[in-house]
Amino acid sequence: MDAVRNMLMGTMLCNDSALDYDGKQTYTPVGAPTEVALITGSLKAGLHFDNLKNEHPRVHSVPFESEHKFMATIHAPFAPGEGRMMFVKGAPDRVMSMCDRQVAGDTIEDLKSKKTEPLDKDMWIKAQ
């Protein structure tokens, strides 16, 4: 698993904004500036927005609402025999309270395991 690539894929797939291109040299942001910045970063990393959305279509979503402070999207399986993929983004106090695992290198670990240092939830909540 490439953790950074998966994170960047999530920033594109769990996103309702866009970056329109005129085919020459002009890009036009459509939507929230932060969301467009996430798309821009992923494009600069070599991901292709339209290909990604076509290969992994959204099958369900929970739109962002200020009372929930997160957005979630579910996408078609990435490979035959795999389950659907869910991406969630939002405020650290909401998203981190939903987590029971974390990416550590190339593995996914239970937060209760003592293999790696757990995320400091208080630091992320204070940083909002």
Protein backbone atom coordinates (compact mmCIF):
# COMPACT_ATOMS: atom_id res chain seq x y z
CA MET A 1 0.00 0.00 0.00
CA ASP A 2 1.29 3.44 -0.86
CA ALA A 3 -0.10 5.51 2.01
CA VAL A 4 0.60 8.92 0.47
CA ARG A 5 -0.89 7.92 -2.88
CA ASN A 6 -4.01 6.55 -1.17
CA MET A 7 -4.37 9.74 0.85
CA LEU A 8 -4.07 11.84 -2.32
CA MET A 9 -6.60 9.63 -4.08
CA GLY A 10 -8.94 10.28 -1.18
CA THR A 11 -8.50 14.04 -1.48
CA MET A 12 -9.68 13.81 -5.09
CA LEU A 13 -12.45 11.26 -4.69
CA CYS A 14 -13.91 12.76 -1.50
CA ASN A 15 -14.28 16.16 -3.12
CA ASP A 16 -17.11 18.05 -4.81
CA SER A 17 -14.93 20.84 -6.22
CA ALA A 18 -13.08 20.86 -9.54
CA LEU A 19 -10.21 22.41 -11.42
CA ASP A 20 -11.31 23.13 -14.99
CA TYR A 21 -8.66 23.26 -17.71
CA ASP A 22 -9.15 25.04 -21.03
CA GLY A 23 -6.79 22.70 -22.89
CA LYS A 24 -4.14 25.37 -23.33
CA GLN A 25 -2.74 26.88 -20.17
CA THR A 26 -5.55 28.18 -17.97
CA TYR A 27 -6.95 26.38 -14.94
CA THR A 28 -10.13 27.69 -13.35
CA PRO A 29 -10.98 26.68 -9.76
CA VAL A 30 -14.58 25.63 -9.18
CA GLY A 31 -15.66 25.32 -5.57
CA ALA A 32 -14.07 25.86 -2.18
CA PRO A 33 -10.43 27.03 -2.29
CA THR A 34 -9.23 24.38 0.18
CA GLU A 35 -10.90 21.62 -1.83
CA VAL A 36 -9.36 22.90 -5.07
CA ALA A 37 -5.96 23.02 -3.34
CA LEU A 38 -6.34 19.31 -2.48
CA ILE A 39 -7.06 18.54 -6.12
CA THR A 40 -4.10 20.66 -7.25
CA GLY A 41 -1.72 18.84 -4.91
CA SER A 42 -2.89 15.47 -6.19
CA LEU A 43 -2.50 16.55 -9.82
CA LYS A 44 1.04 17.74 -9.10
CA ALA A 45 1.75 14.31 -7.61
CA GLY A 46 0.77 12.70 -10.92
CA LEU A 47 -2.80 11.57 -10.28
CA HIS A 48 -5.36 12.13 -13.02
CA PHE A 49 -8.66 13.49 -11.73
CA ASP A 50 -11.00 12.32 -14.51
CA ASN A 51 -9.40 8.87 -14.79
CA LEU A 52 -9.60 8.36 -11.04
CA LYS A 53 -13.28 9.35 -10.86
CA ASN A 54 -14.13 7.11 -13.83
CA GLU A 55 -12.18 4.11 -12.48
CA HIS A 56 -13.58 4.44 -8.96
CA PRO A 57 -17.09 5.89 -9.25
CA ARG A 58 -18.80 7.22 -6.17
CA VAL A 59 -21.65 4.96 -5.10
CA HIS A 60 -22.71 6.87 -2.00
CA SER A 61 -21.77 9.96 -0.04
CA VAL A 62 -22.41 11.87 3.15
CA PRO A 63 -22.13 15.53 2.14
CA PHE A 64 -20.32 18.00 4.36
CA GLU A 65 -22.57 19.76 6.82
CA SER A 66 -21.32 22.16 9.47
CA GLU A 67 -23.14 20.25 12.21
CA HIS A 68 -21.26 17.03 11.32
CA LYS A 69 -17.95 18.66 10.30
CA PHE A 70 -16.98 15.86 7.90
CA MET A 71 -17.64 14.50 4.42
CA ALA A 72 -17.52 10.84 3.40
CA THR A 73 -17.68 9.07 0.05
CA ILE A 74 -17.91 5.38 -0.82
CA HIS A 75 -16.44 4.15 -4.09
CA ALA A 76 -16.63 1.04 -6.23
CA PRO A 77 -14.02 -1.65 -5.42
CA PHE A 78 -10.48 -0.84 -6.50
CA ALA A 79 -9.78 -4.43 -7.58
CA PRO A 80 -11.85 -7.56 -8.25
CA GLY A 81 -12.73 -9.33 -5.03
CA GLU A 82 -12.11 -6.27 -2.86
CA GLY A 83 -14.75 -4.39 -0.96
CA ARG A 84 -15.78 -0.82 -1.54
CA MET A 85 -13.46 1.98 -0.41
CA MET A 86 -14.54 4.80 1.88
CA PHE A 87 -12.80 8.14 2.20
CA VAL A 88 -13.57 10.56 5.03
CA LYS A 89 -12.24 14.06 5.59
CA GLY A 90 -13.13 16.77 8.04
CA ALA A 91 -12.39 18.31 11.40
CA PRO A 92 -9.87 16.31 13.46
CA ASP A 93 -12.17 16.09 16.51
CA ARG A 94 -14.83 14.39 14.38
CA VAL A 95 -12.70 12.25 12.08
CA MET A 96 -10.24 10.97 14.67
CA SER A 97 -13.03 9.88 17.00
CA MET A 98 -14.23 7.57 14.18
CA CYS A 99 -10.84 5.88 13.78
CA ASP A 100 -9.76 2.57 15.27
CA ARG A 101 -6.76 2.02 12.95
CA GLN A 102 -3.91 4.05 11.51
CA VAL A 103 -1.47 3.72 8.65
CA ALA A 104 2.06 3.00 9.83
CA GLY A 105 4.51 2.67 6.98
CA ASP A 106 3.00 0.13 4.61
CA THR A 107 0.67 -1.49 7.12
CA ILE A 108 -2.60 -0.67 8.82
CA GLU A 109 -2.44 -1.09 12.58
CA ASP A 110 -5.03 -1.21 15.30
CA LEU A 111 -4.77 1.93 17.43
CA LYS A 112 -4.72 -0.29 20.52
CA SER A 113 -1.54 -2.03 19.38
CA LYS A 114 1.65 -0.67 20.82
CA LYS A 115 3.69 -1.13 17.62
CA THR A 116 3.75 2.56 16.69
CA GLU A 117 3.21 5.85 18.45
CA PRO A 118 -0.52 6.66 18.34
CA LEU A 119 -1.68 9.96 16.93
CA ASP A 120 -1.90 12.72 19.52
CA LYS A 121 -5.61 13.53 19.23
CA ASP A 122 -5.44 16.44 21.69
CA MET A 123 -2.75 18.18 19.63
CA TRP A 124 -4.85 17.95 16.45
CA ILE A 125 -7.98 19.16 18.21
CA LYS A 126 -6.13 22.17 19.69
CA ALA A 127 -4.66 22.98 16.26
CA GLN A 128 -8.09 23.56 14.67
